[in-house]
Amino acid sequence: MTDALPPCPICSSEYTYESGALLTCPECAHEWNPEESSEDATTVIKDSAGNVLSDGDSVTVVKDLKVKGSQTAIKVGTKVRNIRLVDGPDGHDIDAKVDGFGQVFLKSSVVKKAN
């Protein structure tokens, strides 16, 4: 192996590997195309407490959330596992499955990273 792969643009891990045409980081699960500009990779999503979020994290909801089409709300303290960071509609930047509600989009401002 003569060419060293670049470190992850999100967490700076040096253990990146090739996965088809993409490069993948085993530590934060970030995938990117090394031939494209990295301006979207520099976007950092933070929770309500200022902690940096990444794909696969677990978060806790910090306020009651009304859900369209449902009579019940997602309650404070609900733990959401294995989130995925996306560029969703209306500033919703987390895609996750919430028990009892299914697949939902959440805003990072209403969650806190779980320990």
C-alpha atoms as a PDB file:
ATOM      1  CA  MET A   1       0.000   0.000   0.000  1.00  0.00           C
ATOM      2  CA  THR A   2       1.810   3.077  -1.243  1.00  0.00           C
ATOM      3  CA  ASP A   3      -0.901   5.746  -0.798  1.00  0.00           C
ATOM      4  CA  ALA A   4      -1.954   6.675   2.720  1.00  0.00           C
ATOM      5  CA  LEU A   5      -5.660   7.383   3.120  1.00  0.00           C
ATOM      6  CA  PRO A   6      -6.677  10.777   4.510  1.00  0.00           C
ATOM      7  CA  PRO A   7      -7.995  10.993   8.084  1.00  0.00           C
ATOM      8  CA  CYS A   8     -11.705  11.304   8.789  1.00  0.00           C
ATOM      9  CA  PRO A   9     -12.906  14.916   8.316  1.00  0.00           C
ATOM     10  CA  ILE A  10     -15.323  14.568  11.255  1.00  0.00           C
ATOM     11  CA  CYS A  11     -13.335  12.912  14.055  1.00  0.00           C
ATOM     12  CA  SER A  12      -9.795  12.972  12.554  1.00  0.00           C
ATOM     13  CA  SER A  13      -9.396   9.201  12.949  1.00  0.00           C
ATOM     14  CA  GLU A  14      -6.439   7.801  11.037  1.00  0.00           C
ATOM     15  CA  TYR A  15      -8.065   4.368  10.604  1.00  0.00           C
ATOM     16  CA  THR A  16     -10.135   5.149   7.502  1.00  0.00           C
ATOM     17  CA  TYR A  17     -10.644   2.472   4.882  1.00  0.00           C
ATOM     18  CA  GLU A  18     -12.011   2.193   1.360  1.00  0.00           C
ATOM     19  CA  SER A  19     -15.543   0.925   0.879  1.00  0.00           C
ATOM     20  CA  GLY A  20     -16.176   0.900  -2.855  1.00  0.00           C
ATOM     21  CA  ALA A  21     -15.856   4.465  -4.124  1.00  0.00           C
ATOM     22  CA  LEU A  22     -16.232   5.932  -0.615  1.00  0.00           C
ATOM     23  CA  LEU A  23     -13.930   6.233   2.346  1.00  0.00           C
ATOM     24  CA  THR A  24     -15.327   5.087   5.705  1.00  0.00           C
ATOM     25  CA  CYS A  25     -14.354   5.893   9.278  1.00  0.00           C
ATOM     26  CA  PRO A  26     -14.732   2.940  11.669  1.00  0.00           C
ATOM     27  CA  GLU A  27     -14.819   5.186  14.736  1.00  0.00           C
ATOM     28  CA  CYS A  28     -17.656   7.594  13.854  1.00  0.00           C
ATOM     29  CA  ALA A  29     -19.181   5.708  10.861  1.00  0.00           C
ATOM     30  CA  HIS A  30     -18.806   8.740   8.578  1.00  0.00           C
ATOM     31  CA  GLU A  31     -18.674   7.977   4.851  1.00  0.00           C
ATOM     32  CA  TRP A  32     -17.443  10.434   2.231  1.00  0.00           C
ATOM     33  CA  ASN A  33     -16.270  10.624  -1.338  1.00  0.00           C
ATOM     34  CA  PRO A  34     -12.649  11.790  -1.343  1.00  0.00           C
ATOM     35  CA  GLU A  35     -13.059  13.326  -4.820  1.00  0.00           C
ATOM     36  CA  GLU A  36     -15.882  15.688  -3.785  1.00  0.00           C
ATOM     37  CA  SER A  37     -15.368  18.889  -1.841  1.00  0.00           C
ATOM     38  CA  SER A  38     -15.485  18.421   1.902  1.00  0.00           C
ATOM     39  CA  GLU A  39     -17.649  21.451   2.735  1.00  0.00           C
ATOM     40  CA  ASP A  40     -20.606  19.273   3.847  1.00  0.00           C
ATOM     41  CA  ALA A  41     -18.256  17.173   5.999  1.00  0.00           C
ATOM     42  CA  THR A  42     -17.329  20.241   8.040  1.00  0.00           C
ATOM     43  CA  THR A  43     -20.911  20.718   9.232  1.00  0.00           C
ATOM     44  CA  VAL A  44     -20.967  19.837  12.905  1.00  0.00           C
ATOM     45  CA  ILE A  45     -24.292  19.060  14.556  1.00  0.00           C
ATOM     46  CA  LYS A  46     -24.518  19.743  18.286  1.00  0.00           C
ATOM     47  CA  ASP A  47     -27.179  18.820  20.840  1.00  0.00           C
ATOM     48  CA  SER A  48     -28.923  21.233  23.224  1.00  0.00           C
ATOM     49  CA  ALA A  49     -25.957  21.072  25.633  1.00  0.00           C
ATOM     50  CA  GLY A  50     -23.343  21.745  22.942  1.00  0.00           C
ATOM     51  CA  ASN A  51     -22.058  18.167  22.619  1.00  0.00           C
ATOM     52  CA  VAL A  52     -21.080  17.078  19.092  1.00  0.00           C
ATOM     53  CA  LEU A  53     -23.410  14.398  17.714  1.00  0.00           C
ATOM     54  CA  SER A  54     -22.466  11.668  15.252  1.00  0.00           C
ATOM     55  CA  ASP A  55     -24.226   8.786  13.520  1.00  0.00           C
ATOM     56  CA  GLY A  56     -25.024   5.909  15.870  1.00  0.00           C
ATOM     57  CA  ASP A  57     -25.177   8.006  19.053  1.00  0.00           C
ATOM     58  CA  SER A  58     -27.931   7.638  21.632  1.00  0.00           C
ATOM     59  CA  VAL A  59     -29.790  10.773  22.705  1.00  0.00           C
ATOM     60  CA  THR A  60     -32.433  11.721  25.260  1.00  0.00           C
ATOM     61  CA  VAL A  61     -35.359  14.048  24.488  1.00  0.00           C
ATOM     62  CA  VAL A  62     -35.241  17.198  26.678  1.00  0.00           C
ATOM     63  CA  LYS A  63     -38.811  18.457  26.153  1.00  0.00           C
ATOM     64  CA  ASP A  64     -42.211  17.034  25.238  1.00  0.00           C
ATOM     65  CA  LEU A  65     -42.640  16.843  21.455  1.00  0.00           C
ATOM     66  CA  LYS A  66     -46.002  16.855  19.740  1.00  0.00           C
ATOM     67  CA  VAL A  67     -46.145  14.447  16.817  1.00  0.00           C
ATOM     68  CA  LYS A  68     -48.361  15.204  13.829  1.00  0.00           C
ATOM     69  CA  GLY A  69     -50.994  12.510  13.368  1.00  0.00           C
ATOM     70  CA  SER A  70     -50.641  11.165  16.902  1.00  0.00           C
ATOM     71  CA  GLN A  71     -52.661  11.956  20.008  1.00  0.00           C
ATOM     72  CA  THR A  72     -49.687  11.331  22.281  1.00  0.00           C
ATOM     73  CA  ALA A  73     -46.379  13.174  22.496  1.00  0.00           C
ATOM     74  CA  ILE A  74     -42.802  12.000  22.773  1.00  0.00           C
ATOM     75  CA  LYS A  75     -42.152  12.579  26.479  1.00  0.00           C
ATOM     76  CA  VAL A  76     -39.165  14.173  28.201  1.00  0.00           C
ATOM     77  CA  GLY A  77     -36.503  11.582  28.993  1.00  0.00           C
ATOM     78  CA  THR A  78     -37.338   9.280  26.079  1.00  0.00           C
ATOM     79  CA  LYS A  79     -34.109   7.618  24.992  1.00  0.00           C
ATOM     80  CA  VAL A  80     -33.518   7.349  21.253  1.00  0.00           C
ATOM     81  CA  ARG A  81     -30.817   4.938  20.133  1.00  0.00           C
ATOM     82  CA  ASN A  82     -28.770   4.729  16.955  1.00  0.00           C
ATOM     83  CA  ILE A  83     -29.539   8.141  15.465  1.00  0.00           C
ATOM     84  CA  ARG A  84     -28.611   9.106  11.927  1.00  0.00           C
ATOM     85  CA  LEU A  85     -27.628  12.669  11.029  1.00  0.00           C
ATOM     86  CA  VAL A  86     -29.360  13.990   7.916  1.00  0.00           C
ATOM     87  CA  ASP A  87     -30.208  17.247   6.174  1.00  0.00           C
ATOM     88  CA  GLY A  88     -33.937  16.920   6.760  1.00  0.00           C
ATOM     89  CA  PRO A  89     -36.911  19.220   6.261  1.00  0.00           C
ATOM     90  CA  ASP A  90     -37.338  22.435   8.302  1.00  0.00           C
ATOM     91  CA  GLY A  91     -34.102  22.116  10.244  1.00  0.00           C
ATOM     92  CA  HIS A  92     -34.741  18.559  11.414  1.00  0.00           C
ATOM     93  CA  ASP A  93     -31.265  17.073  11.352  1.00  0.00           C
ATOM     94  CA  ILE A  94     -31.750  13.740  13.138  1.00  0.00           C
ATOM     95  CA  ASP A  95     -33.468  10.692  11.653  1.00  0.00           C
ATOM     96  CA  ALA A  96     -34.330   8.045  14.244  1.00  0.00           C
ATOM     97  CA  LYS A  97     -36.757   5.348  15.222  1.00  0.00           C
ATOM     98  CA  VAL A  98     -38.649   6.147  18.443  1.00  0.00           C
ATOM     99  CA  ASP A  99     -40.405   3.295  20.243  1.00  0.00           C
ATOM    100  CA  GLY A 100     -44.173   3.691  19.886  1.00  0.00           C
ATOM    101  CA  PHE A 101     -43.887   6.303  17.113  1.00  0.00           C
ATOM    102  CA  GLY A 102     -41.742   4.741  14.394  1.00  0.00           C
ATOM    103  CA  GLN A 103     -39.388   6.645  12.118  1.00  0.00           C
ATOM    104  CA  VAL A 104     -39.282  10.384  12.961  1.00  0.00           C
ATOM    105  CA  PHE A 105     -37.168  13.461  12.242  1.00  0.00           C
ATOM    106  CA  LEU A 106     -35.938  15.410  15.275  1.00  0.00           C
ATOM    107  CA  LYS A 107     -34.125  18.697  15.745  1.00  0.00           C
ATOM    108  CA  SER A 108     -30.800  18.534  17.518  1.00  0.00           C
ATOM    109  CA  SER A 109     -31.910  21.434  19.731  1.00  0.00           C
ATOM    110  CA  VAL A 110     -34.446  19.198  21.550  1.00  0.00           C
ATOM    111  CA  VAL A 111     -32.120  16.299  22.388  1.00  0.00           C
ATOM    112  CA  LYS A 112     -29.147  15.729  24.672  1.00  0.00           C
ATOM    113  CA  LYS A 113     -26.409  13.186  24.035  1.00  0.00           C
ATOM    114  CA  ALA A 114     -26.819  10.166  26.325  1.00  0.00           C
ATOM    115  CA  ASN A 115     -23.828   8.815  28.206  1.00  0.00           C
END
